[in-house]
Amino acid sequence: MPYFSAVQFPNFQQAYRLISDITNAENALVTTTFAHQYLDGLIVRLIVPKVYGMTQANNLTGTITVASPTTFTINIDTRSFDVFTYPGPTPPPGTRTPSQVIPVGGINSNLYNAVHNALPY
């Protein structure tokens, strides 16, 4: 269980998600701590604080392709970046910001999700 929390079932779609892993690849594979509910074509920003290693990815934006409920690829080449390191169940001293992915835009087909209520009730 991650030591930072996010709303797992938000009242709106495309909320930020916490990152537990980013691979070093031509199109990086990002793993979130729980189901992201994102769609192909979503444009996201990566927030990677120093304690997580891969600081070169911090504040980069890219377009995603969903791979599974908790993973997606992003069109950011991370092959030459430092390795992403998840600090574990206890936050290191001075850690205030978790590693996270934040939606910032999308392709036109994603607009459908922005105008339809996604609440289960």
Protein backbone atom coordinates (compact mmCIF):
# COMPACT_ATOMS: atom_id res chain seq x y z
CA MET A 1 0.00 0.00 0.00
CA PRO A 2 1.52 3.34 -0.98
CA TYR A 3 2.13 5.86 1.77
CA PHE A 4 0.53 8.67 -0.24
CA SER A 5 -3.14 8.53 -0.99
CA ALA A 6 -5.31 9.58 -3.89
CA VAL A 7 -9.03 9.24 -4.34
CA GLN A 8 -9.43 5.80 -5.89
CA PHE A 9 -12.97 6.41 -7.17
CA PRO A 10 -13.18 10.16 -7.87
CA ASN A 11 -16.43 11.96 -8.65
CA PHE A 12 -14.96 12.95 -12.01
CA GLN A 13 -12.86 11.15 -14.58
CA GLN A 14 -9.22 11.63 -15.49
CA ALA A 15 -7.92 12.44 -12.03
CA TYR A 16 -4.24 12.31 -11.19
CA ARG A 17 -2.74 8.93 -10.32
CA LEU A 18 0.29 7.92 -8.29
CA ILE A 19 3.16 6.24 -10.16
CA SER A 20 4.82 3.08 -8.87
CA ASP A 21 7.11 2.47 -11.88
CA ILE A 22 8.39 3.93 -15.14
CA THR A 23 10.50 1.79 -17.46
CA ASN A 24 13.54 2.87 -19.43
CA ALA A 25 12.25 2.42 -22.98
CA GLU A 26 11.70 4.25 -26.26
CA ASN A 27 8.04 4.57 -25.23
CA ALA A 28 8.13 4.37 -21.45
CA LEU A 29 5.68 2.05 -19.70
CA VAL A 30 4.14 3.79 -16.67
CA THR A 31 2.53 1.79 -13.86
CA THR A 32 0.03 3.42 -11.50
CA THR A 33 -0.79 2.29 -7.97
CA PHE A 34 -4.42 1.53 -8.90
CA ALA A 35 -6.62 1.59 -12.02
CA HIS A 36 -6.08 4.86 -13.88
CA GLN A 37 -9.30 4.86 -15.99
CA TYR A 38 -7.47 6.76 -18.76
CA LEU A 39 -8.14 6.47 -22.50
CA ASP A 40 -5.79 6.30 -25.48
CA GLY A 41 -4.76 9.77 -26.65
CA LEU A 42 -4.86 11.44 -23.24
CA ILE A 43 -2.04 13.96 -22.78
CA VAL A 44 -0.44 13.76 -19.34
CA ARG A 45 2.34 15.40 -17.35
CA LEU A 46 4.73 13.30 -15.26
CA ILE A 47 5.76 14.59 -11.84
CA VAL A 48 8.87 12.75 -10.61
CA PRO A 49 10.48 14.15 -7.43
CA LYS A 50 14.21 13.58 -6.83
CA VAL A 51 13.75 10.67 -4.41
CA TYR A 52 12.24 8.56 -7.25
CA GLY A 53 15.34 8.76 -9.41
CA MET A 54 14.18 9.46 -12.98
CA THR A 55 14.26 13.27 -12.55
CA GLN A 56 14.77 13.78 -16.30
CA ALA A 57 11.09 12.82 -16.73
CA ASN A 58 9.88 15.45 -14.25
CA ASN A 59 7.37 17.86 -15.86
CA LEU A 60 7.51 16.16 -19.27
CA THR A 61 4.24 15.74 -21.15
CA GLY A 62 3.28 13.06 -23.62
CA THR A 63 0.40 11.19 -25.21
CA ILE A 64 -0.53 7.81 -23.75
CA THR A 65 -1.66 4.46 -25.09
CA VAL A 66 -3.42 2.29 -22.50
CA ALA A 67 -1.81 -1.13 -21.98
CA SER A 68 -3.84 -2.38 -18.98
CA PRO A 69 -6.00 -0.97 -16.17
CA THR A 70 -2.86 0.10 -14.27
CA THR A 71 -0.32 0.65 -17.09
CA PHE A 72 0.09 2.79 -20.18
CA THR A 73 2.87 3.68 -22.58
CA ILE A 74 3.79 7.30 -23.10
CA ASN A 75 5.63 8.74 -26.09
CA ILE A 76 8.63 9.81 -24.02
CA ASP A 77 11.99 8.14 -24.69
CA THR A 78 13.44 7.32 -21.25
CA ARG A 79 16.26 5.01 -22.42
CA SER A 80 18.96 7.48 -21.35
CA PHE A 81 17.21 8.56 -18.13
CA ASP A 82 18.13 7.44 -14.61
CA VAL A 83 16.26 4.37 -13.36
CA PHE A 84 12.92 5.02 -11.62
CA THR A 85 13.05 3.86 -7.99
CA TYR A 86 9.94 3.44 -5.88
CA PRO A 87 11.05 4.31 -2.32
CA GLY A 88 8.94 1.62 -0.62
CA PRO A 89 6.23 1.56 2.05
CA THR A 90 7.83 4.22 4.26
CA PRO A 91 8.38 7.73 2.86
CA PRO A 92 11.99 8.91 2.93
CA PRO A 93 12.69 11.99 5.08
CA GLY A 94 11.71 15.21 3.34
CA THR A 95 9.40 13.53 0.81
CA ARG A 96 6.37 15.74 0.36
CA THR A 97 5.30 15.08 -3.21
CA PRO A 98 4.60 11.62 -4.58
CA SER A 99 5.50 10.62 -8.10
CA GLN A 100 2.33 11.18 -10.12
CA VAL A 101 0.75 11.49 -13.54
CA ILE A 102 -1.61 14.42 -14.19
CA PRO A 103 -3.93 14.65 -17.22
CA VAL A 104 -3.48 17.98 -19.02
CA GLY A 105 -5.33 17.46 -22.32
CA GLY A 106 -6.55 14.96 -24.85
CA ILE A 107 -7.50 14.20 -28.40
CA ASN A 108 -11.01 15.06 -29.62
CA SER A 109 -12.43 11.59 -29.06
CA ASN A 110 -11.69 11.97 -25.34
CA LEU A 111 -14.14 14.88 -25.18
CA TYR A 112 -17.02 12.42 -24.93
CA ASN A 113 -15.84 11.41 -21.47
CA ALA A 114 -15.63 15.02 -20.34
CA VAL A 115 -19.31 15.76 -21.03
CA HIS A 116 -20.98 12.57 -19.78
CA ASN A 117 -21.53 11.81 -16.14
CA ALA A 118 -19.37 8.85 -15.14
CA LEU A 119 -20.75 8.50 -11.62
CA PRO A 120 -22.05 5.05 -10.77
CA TYR A 121 -25.25 6.45 -9.21
